[in-house]
Structure formats: C-alpha cells, structure tokens
Amino acid sequence: MRMTPDQKKLFELIDEILWKDWDPIGVNEIDNVRNEYQSYTPHIFSLVIHGADSIEIAEHLYKLETIDIGVTGDKNRCEEVAKKILEAKS
C-alpha cells in the first residue's frame, strides 16, 4: 500500500505512541528492542484510517495486551492511548 505523506506521518506517530505511551511490557527504555510493538502498528493504523473510534481502538489494544502478549491488561491506559492516537490523526 502506498501512503500519502500525511498517512506516513500518522503511521509513524502511531508507532511512536505505541512505543512511548502504550508499552504494556515496560521495555521502552531499552533502545535495542525499539521494534517490539511495530508489528501492531499496521493494524492500528488501518483501524484509524477506516474510521474506528477510541472505544474500538482501546478494545483492540486491550486484546493485544491480554491475549496476544499475555499480560494483565490496563483498560484505562488503552483508552488513553486510543484517544492520543485519534488526536494524532487530526
């Protein structure tokens, strides 16, 4: 998929938000694992560009935490991160 410059910037912002703000396993201070959450960025980006609201994004983040990653989820943090992601779209 070819991205417009604005889409590329949004993709990069989502990746950065996942790394700095979401970080469910607490590794964002370790530089050599910077790619830890990058596999999740394309799907979150797709949700955003297809009009998902913060609830849908937060639920997906929570599912990633609890099912895919296997940690105790934090719904409040997922909601905050989802809102921040949508703000980045503006």
C-alpha atoms as a PDB file:
ATOM      1  CA  MET A   1       0.000   0.000   0.000  1.00  0.00           C
ATOM      2  CA  ARG A   2       1.353   3.366  -0.978  1.00  0.00           C
ATOM      3  CA  MET A   3       0.913   6.011   1.677  1.00  0.00           C
ATOM      4  CA  THR A   4       0.488   9.703   1.230  1.00  0.00           C
ATOM      5  CA  PRO A   5       2.926  11.878   3.183  1.00  0.00           C
ATOM      6  CA  ASP A   6       0.172  12.551   5.749  1.00  0.00           C
ATOM      7  CA  GLN A   7      -0.549   8.836   6.116  1.00  0.00           C
ATOM      8  CA  LYS A   8       3.160   8.088   6.519  1.00  0.00           C
ATOM      9  CA  LYS A   9       3.394  10.716   9.244  1.00  0.00           C
ATOM     10  CA  LEU A  10       0.314   9.261  11.002  1.00  0.00           C
ATOM     11  CA  PHE A  11       1.757   5.734  10.759  1.00  0.00           C
ATOM     12  CA  GLU A  12       4.983   6.938  12.364  1.00  0.00           C
ATOM     13  CA  LEU A  13       3.076   8.805  15.094  1.00  0.00           C
ATOM     14  CA  ILE A  14       1.042   5.690  15.909  1.00  0.00           C
ATOM     15  CA  ASP A  15       4.231   3.654  16.126  1.00  0.00           C
ATOM     16  CA  GLU A  16       5.735   6.245  18.462  1.00  0.00           C
ATOM     17  CA  ILE A  17       2.614   6.354  20.669  1.00  0.00           C
ATOM     18  CA  LEU A  18       2.582   2.564  20.967  1.00  0.00           C
ATOM     19  CA  TRP A  19       6.246   2.642  21.987  1.00  0.00           C
ATOM     20  CA  LYS A  20       6.182   5.572  24.398  1.00  0.00           C
ATOM     21  CA  ASP A  21       2.656   5.561  25.805  1.00  0.00           C
ATOM     22  CA  TRP A  22       1.227   2.068  25.460  1.00  0.00           C
ATOM     23  CA  ASP A  23       4.294  -0.140  26.226  1.00  0.00           C
ATOM     24  CA  PRO A  24       2.414  -2.947  28.038  1.00  0.00           C
ATOM     25  CA  ILE A  25       5.581  -4.890  28.876  1.00  0.00           C
ATOM     26  CA  GLY A  26       7.619  -1.897  30.034  1.00  0.00           C
ATOM     27  CA  VAL A  27      10.545  -2.035  27.633  1.00  0.00           C
ATOM     28  CA  ASN A  28      10.544   1.425  26.070  1.00  0.00           C
ATOM     29  CA  GLU A  29      13.707   2.448  27.880  1.00  0.00           C
ATOM     30  CA  ILE A  30      15.710  -0.286  26.129  1.00  0.00           C
ATOM     31  CA  ASP A  31      16.890   1.016  22.756  1.00  0.00           C
ATOM     32  CA  ASN A  32      17.728  -2.322  21.155  1.00  0.00           C
ATOM     33  CA  VAL A  33      14.097  -3.524  21.398  1.00  0.00           C
ATOM     34  CA  ARG A  34      12.620  -0.434  19.736  1.00  0.00           C
ATOM     35  CA  ASN A  35      10.779  -2.649  17.234  1.00  0.00           C
ATOM     36  CA  GLU A  36       8.879  -4.558  19.959  1.00  0.00           C
ATOM     37  CA  TYR A  37       5.446  -3.160  19.073  1.00  0.00           C
ATOM     38  CA  GLN A  38       5.965  -2.324  15.404  1.00  0.00           C
ATOM     39  CA  SER A  39       4.110  -5.430  14.248  1.00  0.00           C
ATOM     40  CA  TYR A  40       0.945  -3.951  15.800  1.00  0.00           C
ATOM     41  CA  THR A  41       1.242  -0.573  14.072  1.00  0.00           C
ATOM     42  CA  PRO A  42      -0.214  -1.562  10.664  1.00  0.00           C
ATOM     43  CA  HIS A  43      -3.470  -2.874  12.137  1.00  0.00           C
ATOM     44  CA  ILE A  44      -3.922   0.113  14.457  1.00  0.00           C
ATOM     45  CA  PHE A  45      -3.194   2.405  11.500  1.00  0.00           C
ATOM     46  CA  SER A  46      -5.804   0.557   9.442  1.00  0.00           C
ATOM     47  CA  LEU A  47      -8.382   0.928  12.206  1.00  0.00           C
ATOM     48  CA  VAL A  48      -7.730   4.663  12.364  1.00  0.00           C
ATOM     49  CA  ILE A  49      -7.883   5.359   8.641  1.00  0.00           C
ATOM     50  CA  HIS A  50     -11.061   3.308   8.332  1.00  0.00           C
ATOM     51  CA  GLY A  51     -12.828   5.392  10.968  1.00  0.00           C
ATOM     52  CA  ALA A  52     -12.590   3.353  14.158  1.00  0.00           C
ATOM     53  CA  ASP A  53     -13.487   5.242  17.304  1.00  0.00           C
ATOM     54  CA  SER A  54     -11.470   5.324  20.514  1.00  0.00           C
ATOM     55  CA  ILE A  55     -13.524   2.510  22.046  1.00  0.00           C
ATOM     56  CA  GLU A  56     -12.752   0.128  19.178  1.00  0.00           C
ATOM     57  CA  ILE A  57      -9.060   1.022  19.224  1.00  0.00           C
ATOM     58  CA  ALA A  58      -8.865   0.682  23.026  1.00  0.00           C
ATOM     59  CA  GLU A  59     -10.559  -2.715  22.885  1.00  0.00           C
ATOM     60  CA  HIS A  60      -8.071  -3.884  20.274  1.00  0.00           C
ATOM     61  CA  LEU A  61      -5.123  -2.654  22.370  1.00  0.00           C
ATOM     62  CA  TYR A  62      -6.548  -4.404  25.431  1.00  0.00           C
ATOM     63  CA  LYS A  63      -6.971  -7.630  23.448  1.00  0.00           C
ATOM     64  CA  LEU A  64      -3.357  -7.376  22.305  1.00  0.00           C
ATOM     65  CA  GLU A  65      -2.232  -6.948  25.907  1.00  0.00           C
ATOM     66  CA  THR A  66      -4.252  -9.744  27.432  1.00  0.00           C
ATOM     67  CA  ILE A  67      -4.457 -12.324  24.659  1.00  0.00           C
ATOM     68  CA  ASP A  68      -1.563 -11.806  22.250  1.00  0.00           C
ATOM     69  CA  ILE A  69       1.068 -10.566  24.697  1.00  0.00           C
ATOM     70  CA  GLY A  70      -0.355 -12.341  27.745  1.00  0.00           C
ATOM     71  CA  VAL A  71      -0.016  -9.641  30.379  1.00  0.00           C
ATOM     72  CA  THR A  72      -2.568  -8.202  32.759  1.00  0.00           C
ATOM     73  CA  GLY A  73      -4.270  -5.522  30.708  1.00  0.00           C
ATOM     74  CA  ASP A  74      -4.827  -1.918  31.660  1.00  0.00           C
ATOM     75  CA  LYS A  75      -8.112  -0.718  30.150  1.00  0.00           C
ATOM     76  CA  ASN A  76      -7.592   2.859  31.315  1.00  0.00           C
ATOM     77  CA  ARG A  77      -4.199   3.112  29.651  1.00  0.00           C
ATOM     78  CA  CYS A  78      -5.617   1.550  26.477  1.00  0.00           C
ATOM     79  CA  GLU A  79      -8.374   4.163  26.428  1.00  0.00           C
ATOM     80  CA  GLU A  80      -5.873   6.998  26.950  1.00  0.00           C
ATOM     81  CA  VAL A  81      -3.623   5.667  24.209  1.00  0.00           C
ATOM     82  CA  ALA A  82      -6.551   5.238  21.817  1.00  0.00           C
ATOM     83  CA  LYS A  83      -7.567   8.861  22.372  1.00  0.00           C
ATOM     84  CA  LYS A  84      -3.999  10.023  21.806  1.00  0.00           C
ATOM     85  CA  ILE A  85      -3.823   8.030  18.578  1.00  0.00           C
ATOM     86  CA  LEU A  86      -7.011   9.631  17.314  1.00  0.00           C
ATOM     87  CA  GLU A  87      -5.719  13.078  18.282  1.00  0.00           C
ATOM     88  CA  ALA A  88      -2.639  12.387  16.153  1.00  0.00           C
ATOM     89  CA  LYS A  89      -4.947  11.904  13.181  1.00  0.00           C
ATOM     90  CA  SER A  90      -6.201  15.484  13.456  1.00  0.00           C
END
